[in-house]
Amino acid sequence: QVQLVESGGGSVQAGGSLRLSCAASGYNVSNNCVGWFRRASGKEREGVAATRAGGQYTYFTDSVKGRFTISQDNSKNTVYLQMNSLKLEDSATYYCAVRSSDFCSRFAVGGGVNFDYWGQGTQVTVSS
């Protein structure tokens, strides 16, 4: 049984940083594609970042390029999303998800419809 547990969310002022963690069980994060998604209030879920091949390849949506990084610790079976220079529009519930494939480059399609397992989410609130 695959379980994903996100943590690290919270409230931060604009310009600040947070690091989200996604701890996986029943799934090896180094094998396939792992993604981070977010859903802001009143908006559709969107893809934020993804990684595959043990973190060797990373992908980002345009709005977070240069500010967010995605990494993983294979020994802990955990994927991280480091978020720097946070903006008000980054406020959302953030979810990690995994899929039974290493195909990752189009991770954001359909807000993650191709992903098989999802965590419960962690809230990020950015204030001015």
Protein backbone atom coordinates (compact mmCIF):
# COMPACT_ATOMS: atom_id res chain seq x y z
CA GLN A 1 0.00 0.00 0.00
CA VAL A 2 1.41 3.33 -1.06
CA GLN A 3 1.29 6.15 1.45
CA LEU A 4 2.54 9.68 0.99
CA VAL A 5 2.78 12.09 3.89
CA GLU A 6 3.51 15.75 3.28
CA SER A 7 4.85 18.08 5.93
CA GLY A 8 6.56 21.42 6.24
CA GLY A 9 3.74 23.74 5.33
CA GLY A 10 2.96 26.85 7.31
CA SER A 11 2.63 30.60 7.19
CA VAL A 12 5.43 32.78 5.89
CA GLN A 13 5.85 36.34 4.74
CA ALA A 14 6.39 37.15 1.11
CA GLY A 15 10.02 36.68 0.19
CA GLY A 16 10.46 33.94 2.74
CA SER A 17 11.20 30.25 2.33
CA LEU A 18 9.69 26.93 3.24
CA ARG A 19 10.73 23.34 2.62
CA LEU A 20 8.06 20.75 2.08
CA SER A 21 8.71 17.08 2.60
CA CYS A 22 6.96 14.08 1.12
CA ALA A 23 7.72 10.84 2.91
CA ALA A 24 6.76 7.76 0.95
CA SER A 25 6.07 4.22 2.05
CA GLY A 26 5.19 1.30 -0.16
CA TYR A 27 6.81 3.10 -3.06
CA ASN A 28 10.42 3.71 -4.00
CA VAL A 29 10.82 7.38 -4.89
CA SER A 30 14.02 6.69 -6.81
CA ASN A 31 12.24 4.50 -9.35
CA ASN A 32 9.55 6.58 -10.99
CA CYS A 33 8.14 10.06 -11.30
CA VAL A 34 7.30 12.07 -8.20
CA GLY A 35 5.52 15.37 -8.45
CA TRP A 36 4.41 18.31 -6.36
CA PHE A 37 1.11 19.97 -7.11
CA ARG A 38 -0.90 22.73 -5.54
CA ARG A 39 -4.45 23.92 -5.39
CA ALA A 40 -5.21 27.50 -4.47
CA SER A 41 -8.62 28.47 -3.21
CA GLY A 42 -11.05 28.67 -6.10
CA LYS A 43 -8.53 27.43 -8.64
CA GLU A 44 -7.73 24.22 -10.42
CA ARG A 45 -4.95 22.00 -9.21
CA GLU A 46 -1.70 22.71 -11.02
CA GLY A 47 1.63 21.00 -11.32
CA VAL A 48 4.55 22.71 -9.60
CA ALA A 49 7.55 20.43 -9.97
CA ALA A 50 8.51 16.83 -10.63
CA THR A 51 11.54 14.62 -10.55
CA ARG A 52 12.58 11.21 -11.81
CA ALA A 53 15.57 8.90 -11.99
CA GLY A 54 16.47 9.39 -8.37
CA GLY A 55 16.45 13.14 -8.68
CA GLN A 56 18.64 13.26 -11.77
CA TYR A 57 15.97 14.98 -13.81
CA THR A 58 13.75 17.81 -12.58
CA TYR A 59 10.90 19.73 -14.11
CA PHE A 60 9.18 22.95 -13.06
CA THR A 61 6.23 25.00 -14.05
CA ASP A 62 7.24 28.40 -15.37
CA SER A 63 5.91 30.37 -12.43
CA VAL A 64 8.30 28.74 -9.96
CA LYS A 65 11.44 28.36 -12.06
CA GLY A 66 14.42 29.90 -10.35
CA ARG A 67 12.62 29.99 -7.00
CA PHE A 68 11.73 26.36 -6.23
CA THR A 69 13.91 23.30 -6.27
CA ILE A 70 12.97 19.65 -5.97
CA SER A 71 15.25 17.04 -4.51
CA GLN A 72 15.12 13.68 -2.83
CA ASP A 73 16.87 11.66 -0.22
CA ASN A 74 16.67 8.09 -1.41
CA SER A 75 17.89 6.74 1.92
CA LYS A 76 14.86 8.33 3.57
CA ASN A 77 12.54 7.68 0.62
CA THR A 78 11.56 11.33 0.82
CA VAL A 79 11.14 14.05 -1.77
CA TYR A 80 11.54 17.73 -0.90
CA LEU A 81 10.28 20.93 -2.40
CA GLN A 82 12.40 23.91 -1.40
CA MET A 83 10.46 27.10 -1.96
CA ASN A 84 12.34 30.39 -1.91
CA SER A 85 11.28 33.96 -2.64
CA LEU A 86 7.70 33.03 -1.91
CA LYS A 87 4.96 35.19 -3.36
CA LEU A 88 1.38 35.76 -2.32
CA GLU A 89 0.24 33.70 -5.29
CA ASP A 90 2.13 30.67 -4.01
CA SER A 91 -0.44 30.28 -1.26
CA ALA A 92 -2.18 26.93 -1.72
CA THR A 93 -2.50 23.43 -0.45
CA TYR A 94 0.47 21.48 -1.73
CA TYR A 95 0.29 17.80 -2.57
CA CYS A 96 2.87 15.27 -3.55
CA ALA A 97 1.97 12.47 -5.89
CA VAL A 98 3.63 9.51 -7.52
CA ARG A 99 2.99 7.56 -10.66
CA SER A 100 3.83 4.05 -11.78
CA SER A 101 6.00 5.33 -14.59
CA ASP A 102 9.18 7.29 -15.01
CA PHE A 103 7.56 9.51 -17.62
CA CYS A 104 7.74 12.91 -16.03
CA SER A 105 8.24 15.67 -18.55
CA ARG A 106 4.52 16.35 -18.94
CA PHE A 107 3.78 15.97 -15.25
CA ALA A 108 1.54 19.04 -15.15
CA VAL A 109 -0.93 17.81 -17.74
CA GLY A 110 -4.44 17.89 -16.38
CA GLY A 111 -3.24 18.92 -12.95
CA GLY A 112 -1.71 15.52 -12.39
CA VAL A 113 -4.35 13.21 -13.83
CA ASN A 114 -1.64 10.69 -14.73
CA PHE A 115 -0.48 10.30 -11.15
CA ASP A 116 -1.63 7.29 -9.21
CA TYR A 117 -1.18 8.07 -5.54
CA TRP A 118 -1.60 11.28 -3.60
CA GLY A 119 -0.80 12.61 -0.18
CA GLN A 120 -3.23 14.47 2.01
CA GLY A 121 -1.70 17.88 1.39
CA THR A 122 -0.03 20.57 3.44
CA GLN A 123 -1.11 24.20 3.57
CA VAL A 124 1.19 27.03 2.57
CA THR A 125 0.10 30.58 3.30
CA VAL A 126 2.14 33.53 2.12
CA SER A 127 1.28 36.94 3.55
CA SER A 128 2.44 40.45 2.81
